Amino acid sequence: MKTKKKSGPKKGAKYKTRFEPNWDDVKKLAHIQCTTYEIASFLDTSVDTMNYRSKENFGRTFAEMVKEWALSGRCSLRRMQWKIAERSATMAIFLGKNMLGQADKVDLGDDSKKLIRDFMMEQAHDYNKKIMQENPLDHIDESELC
């Protein structure tokens, strides 16, 4: 008679090896704006495990630590953008629009608005006229007939 093999840890091995993340790697990943899920996946563990280890080591949740470390990454990115803006008009314009609320505004005077409106009305009228010439009966509602 065959005996069933027991699943689970081998004899003498009670627990899995304790996972301890390399916090320098976690900090670098947060610095480049990786999410908590991406960081946990990169380290081949779960967000729950990372949260548990974070509370053990820092007394704060994993999400709080990642958020804090990500801020330094945003500061570095901003510093790089400012350096590039010194040499690039495109970057200077981008920063002006995004940080200072600047925008490309074209002021159309009343005459221009009237010309555009008249043109659009003329185009719509011509289109309707063309459709009616091609298929005049397709545009009549049967309820309107006697």
C-alpha atoms as a PDB file:
ATOM      1  CA  MET A   1       0.000   0.000   0.000  1.00  0.00           C
ATOM      2  CA  LYS A   2       1.268   3.458  -0.982  1.00  0.00           C
ATOM      3  CA  THR A   3       1.598   6.183   1.593  1.00  0.00           C
ATOM      4  CA  LYS A   4       0.687   9.748   0.772  1.00  0.00           C
ATOM      5  CA  LYS A   5       3.482  12.288   0.812  1.00  0.00           C
ATOM      6  CA  LYS A   6       2.900  15.174   3.135  1.00  0.00           C
ATOM      7  CA  SER A   7       3.088  18.632   1.637  1.00  0.00           C
ATOM      8  CA  GLY A   8       4.637  21.573   3.425  1.00  0.00           C
ATOM      9  CA  PRO A   9       8.071  22.281   4.798  1.00  0.00           C
ATOM     10  CA  LYS A  10      10.666  19.524   4.878  1.00  0.00           C
ATOM     11  CA  LYS A  11      11.481  17.838   8.125  1.00  0.00           C
ATOM     12  CA  GLY A  12      13.567  20.108  10.323  1.00  0.00           C
ATOM     13  CA  ALA A  13      12.621  23.278   8.410  1.00  0.00           C
ATOM     14  CA  LYS A  14       9.862  24.943  10.385  1.00  0.00           C
ATOM     15  CA  TYR A  15       9.717  28.363   8.704  1.00  0.00           C
ATOM     16  CA  LYS A  16      10.568  30.032   5.441  1.00  0.00           C
ATOM     17  CA  THR A  17      13.599  32.289   5.425  1.00  0.00           C
ATOM     18  CA  ARG A  18      12.739  35.720   6.749  1.00  0.00           C
ATOM     19  CA  PHE A  19      12.499  38.307   3.963  1.00  0.00           C
ATOM     20  CA  GLU A  20      14.327  41.531   4.707  1.00  0.00           C
ATOM     21  CA  PRO A  21      14.200  44.101   1.880  1.00  0.00           C
ATOM     22  CA  ASN A  22      17.210  46.130   0.841  1.00  0.00           C
ATOM     23  CA  TRP A  23      15.911  49.539   1.878  1.00  0.00           C
ATOM     24  CA  ASP A  24      18.459  51.363  -0.305  1.00  0.00           C
ATOM     25  CA  ASP A  25      16.927  49.662  -3.360  1.00  0.00           C
ATOM     26  CA  VAL A  26      13.430  50.526  -2.147  1.00  0.00           C
ATOM     27  CA  LYS A  27      14.461  54.153  -1.715  1.00  0.00           C
ATOM     28  CA  LYS A  28      15.949  54.276  -5.239  1.00  0.00           C
ATOM     29  CA  LEU A  29      12.792  52.771  -6.752  1.00  0.00           C
ATOM     30  CA  ALA A  30      10.608  55.263  -4.875  1.00  0.00           C
ATOM     31  CA  HIS A  31      12.925  58.031  -6.059  1.00  0.00           C
ATOM     32  CA  ILE A  32      12.043  57.209  -9.699  1.00  0.00           C
ATOM     33  CA  GLN A  33       8.313  57.240  -8.804  1.00  0.00           C
ATOM     34  CA  CYS A  34       7.643  53.479  -8.704  1.00  0.00           C
ATOM     35  CA  THR A  35       4.395  52.540  -6.962  1.00  0.00           C
ATOM     36  CA  THR A  36       4.249  50.348  -3.864  1.00  0.00           C
ATOM     37  CA  TYR A  37       3.027  47.460  -6.012  1.00  0.00           C
ATOM     38  CA  GLU A  38       5.853  47.886  -8.506  1.00  0.00           C
ATOM     39  CA  ILE A  39       8.457  47.981  -5.742  1.00  0.00           C
ATOM     40  CA  ALA A  40       7.036  44.872  -4.057  1.00  0.00           C
ATOM     41  CA  SER A  41       6.914  43.078  -7.402  1.00  0.00           C
ATOM     42  CA  PHE A  42      10.504  44.048  -8.170  1.00  0.00           C
ATOM     43  CA  LEU A  43      11.582  42.588  -4.816  1.00  0.00           C
ATOM     44  CA  ASP A  44       9.462  39.477  -5.463  1.00  0.00           C
ATOM     45  CA  THR A  45       7.307  39.925  -2.383  1.00  0.00           C
ATOM     46  CA  SER A  46       3.894  41.325  -1.472  1.00  0.00           C
ATOM     47  CA  VAL A  47       2.865  44.824  -0.463  1.00  0.00           C
ATOM     48  CA  ASP A  48       1.608  43.351   2.819  1.00  0.00           C
ATOM     49  CA  THR A  49       5.054  41.954   3.620  1.00  0.00           C
ATOM     50  CA  MET A  50       6.660  45.285   2.737  1.00  0.00           C
ATOM     51  CA  ASN A  51       4.162  47.072   4.938  1.00  0.00           C
ATOM     52  CA  TYR A  52       4.921  44.739   7.842  1.00  0.00           C
ATOM     53  CA  ARG A  53       8.697  45.166   7.442  1.00  0.00           C
ATOM     54  CA  SER A  54       8.335  48.929   7.093  1.00  0.00           C
ATOM     55  CA  LYS A  55       6.395  49.165  10.348  1.00  0.00           C
ATOM     56  CA  GLU A  56       9.043  47.000  12.032  1.00  0.00           C
ATOM     57  CA  ASN A  57      11.977  49.097  10.805  1.00  0.00           C
ATOM     58  CA  PHE A  58      10.577  52.614  10.623  1.00  0.00           C
ATOM     59  CA  GLY A  59       7.358  52.586  12.633  1.00  0.00           C
ATOM     60  CA  ARG A  60       5.461  53.799   9.562  1.00  0.00           C
ATOM     61  CA  THR A  61       3.547  52.161   6.729  1.00  0.00           C
ATOM     62  CA  PHE A  62       5.227  51.204   3.493  1.00  0.00           C
ATOM     63  CA  ALA A  63       3.052  53.676   1.563  1.00  0.00           C
ATOM     64  CA  GLU A  64       4.138  56.539   3.845  1.00  0.00           C
ATOM     65  CA  MET A  65       7.802  55.697   3.365  1.00  0.00           C
ATOM     66  CA  VAL A  66       7.482  55.403  -0.417  1.00  0.00           C
ATOM     67  CA  LYS A  67       5.609  58.717  -0.562  1.00  0.00           C
ATOM     68  CA  GLU A  68       8.338  60.442   1.458  1.00  0.00           C
ATOM     69  CA  TRP A  69      11.149  59.000  -0.662  1.00  0.00           C
ATOM     70  CA  ALA A  70       9.294  59.792  -3.893  1.00  0.00           C
ATOM     71  CA  LEU A  71       9.250  63.488  -2.957  1.00  0.00           C
ATOM     72  CA  SER A  72      13.024  63.647  -3.151  1.00  0.00           C
ATOM     73  CA  GLY A  73      12.791  62.150  -6.636  1.00  0.00           C
ATOM     74  CA  ARG A  74      10.372  64.864  -7.696  1.00  0.00           C
ATOM     75  CA  CYS A  75      12.761  67.515  -6.363  1.00  0.00           C
ATOM     76  CA  SER A  76      15.601  66.012  -8.399  1.00  0.00           C
ATOM     77  CA  LEU A  77      13.457  65.956 -11.530  1.00  0.00           C
ATOM     78  CA  ARG A  78      12.471  69.581 -11.033  1.00  0.00           C
ATOM     79  CA  ARG A  79      16.119  70.578 -10.504  1.00  0.00           C
ATOM     80  CA  MET A  80      17.059  68.827 -13.786  1.00  0.00           C
ATOM     81  CA  GLN A  81      14.213  70.548 -15.641  1.00  0.00           C
ATOM     82  CA  TRP A  82      15.392  73.973 -14.438  1.00  0.00           C
ATOM     83  CA  LYS A  83      18.933  73.222 -15.636  1.00  0.00           C
ATOM     84  CA  ILE A  84      17.608  72.160 -19.044  1.00  0.00           C
ATOM     85  CA  ALA A  85      15.403  75.284 -19.217  1.00  0.00           C
ATOM     86  CA  GLU A  86      18.543  77.449 -19.069  1.00  0.00           C
ATOM     87  CA  ARG A  87      19.561  76.049 -22.477  1.00  0.00           C
ATOM     88  CA  SER A  88      16.219  75.056 -24.012  1.00  0.00           C
ATOM     89  CA  ALA A  89      13.429  77.465 -24.902  1.00  0.00           C
ATOM     90  CA  THR A  90      11.039  74.506 -25.239  1.00  0.00           C
ATOM     91  CA  MET A  91      11.643  73.439 -21.635  1.00  0.00           C
ATOM     92  CA  ALA A  92      11.333  77.047 -20.429  1.00  0.00           C
ATOM     93  CA  ILE A  93       7.949  77.312 -22.166  1.00  0.00           C
ATOM     94  CA  PHE A  94       6.846  73.958 -20.719  1.00  0.00           C
ATOM     95  CA  LEU A  95       7.773  75.032 -17.173  1.00  0.00           C
ATOM     96  CA  GLY A  96       6.103  78.402 -17.662  1.00  0.00           C
ATOM     97  CA  LYS A  97       2.857  76.780 -18.743  1.00  0.00           C
ATOM     98  CA  ASN A  98       2.848  74.080 -16.076  1.00  0.00           C
ATOM     99  CA  MET A  99       4.241  75.939 -13.086  1.00  0.00           C
ATOM    100  CA  LEU A 100       3.243  79.534 -13.725  1.00  0.00           C
ATOM    101  CA  GLY A 101      -0.072  78.980 -15.485  1.00  0.00           C
ATOM    102  CA  GLN A 102       1.090  80.711 -18.640  1.00  0.00           C
ATOM    103  CA  ALA A 103      -0.698  79.857 -21.886  1.00  0.00           C
ATOM    104  CA  ASP A 104      -0.667  80.610 -25.572  1.00  0.00           C
ATOM    105  CA  LYS A 105      -3.692  82.846 -26.008  1.00  0.00           C
ATOM    106  CA  VAL A 106      -4.910  84.154 -29.320  1.00  0.00           C
ATOM    107  CA  ASP A 107      -7.374  87.001 -28.971  1.00  0.00           C
ATOM    108  CA  LEU A 108      -9.892  86.945 -31.787  1.00  0.00           C
ATOM    109  CA  GLY A 109     -11.519  90.289 -32.236  1.00  0.00           C
ATOM    110  CA  ASP A 110     -15.257  90.628 -32.851  1.00  0.00           C
ATOM    111  CA  ASP A 111     -14.682  90.871 -36.626  1.00  0.00           C
ATOM    112  CA  SER A 112     -12.810  87.548 -36.706  1.00  0.00           C
ATOM    113  CA  LYS A 113     -15.500  85.822 -34.630  1.00  0.00           C
ATOM    114  CA  LYS A 114     -18.206  87.109 -37.004  1.00  0.00           C
ATOM    115  CA  LEU A 115     -16.276  85.899 -40.070  1.00  0.00           C
ATOM    116  CA  ILE A 116     -15.829  82.421 -38.548  1.00  0.00           C
ATOM    117  CA  ARG A 117     -19.505  82.200 -37.557  1.00  0.00           C
ATOM    118  CA  ASP A 118     -20.666  83.307 -41.029  1.00  0.00           C
ATOM    119  CA  PHE A 119     -18.330  80.814 -42.698  1.00  0.00           C
ATOM    120  CA  MET A 120     -19.593  77.940 -40.538  1.00  0.00           C
ATOM    121  CA  MET A 121     -23.238  78.841 -41.221  1.00  0.00           C
ATOM    122  CA  GLU A 122     -22.564  78.979 -44.963  1.00  0.00           C
ATOM    123  CA  GLN A 123     -20.835  75.572 -44.870  1.00  0.00           C
ATOM    124  CA  ALA A 124     -23.755  74.017 -42.958  1.00  0.00           C
ATOM    125  CA  HIS A 125     -26.282  75.524 -45.383  1.00  0.00           C
ATOM    126  CA  ASP A 126     -24.341  74.241 -48.436  1.00  0.00           C
ATOM    127  CA  TYR A 127     -24.055  70.753 -46.894  1.00  0.00           C
ATOM    128  CA  ASN A 128     -27.802  70.550 -46.171  1.00  0.00           C
ATOM    129  CA  LYS A 129     -28.614  71.767 -49.684  1.00  0.00           C
ATOM    130  CA  LYS A 130     -26.334  69.100 -51.218  1.00  0.00           C
ATOM    131  CA  ILE A 131     -27.915  66.305 -49.136  1.00  0.00           C
ATOM    132  CA  MET A 132     -31.428  67.394 -50.108  1.00  0.00           C
ATOM    133  CA  GLN A 133     -30.468  67.387 -53.817  1.00  0.00           C
ATOM    134  CA  GLU A 134     -28.991  63.880 -53.642  1.00  0.00           C
ATOM    135  CA  ASN A 135     -31.817  62.152 -51.712  1.00  0.00           C
ATOM    136  CA  PRO A 136     -34.736  64.509 -51.129  1.00  0.00           C
ATOM    137  CA  LEU A 137     -37.168  61.815 -49.899  1.00  0.00           C
ATOM    138  CA  ASP A 138     -34.770  60.309 -47.354  1.00  0.00           C
ATOM    139  CA  HIS A 139     -35.037  63.432 -45.230  1.00  0.00           C
ATOM    140  CA  ILE A 140     -38.839  63.562 -44.984  1.00  0.00           C
ATOM    141  CA  ASP A 141     -40.451  62.150 -41.869  1.00  0.00           C
ATOM    142  CA  GLU A 142     -43.403  59.875 -42.765  1.00  0.00           C
ATOM    143  CA  SER A 143     -45.530  61.451 -40.026  1.00  0.00           C
ATOM    144  CA  GLU A 144     -45.369  64.750 -41.936  1.00  0.00           C
ATOM    145  CA  LEU A 145     -47.048  63.208 -44.984  1.00  0.00           C
ATOM    146  CA  CYS A 146     -50.840  63.468 -45.473  1.00  0.00           C
END
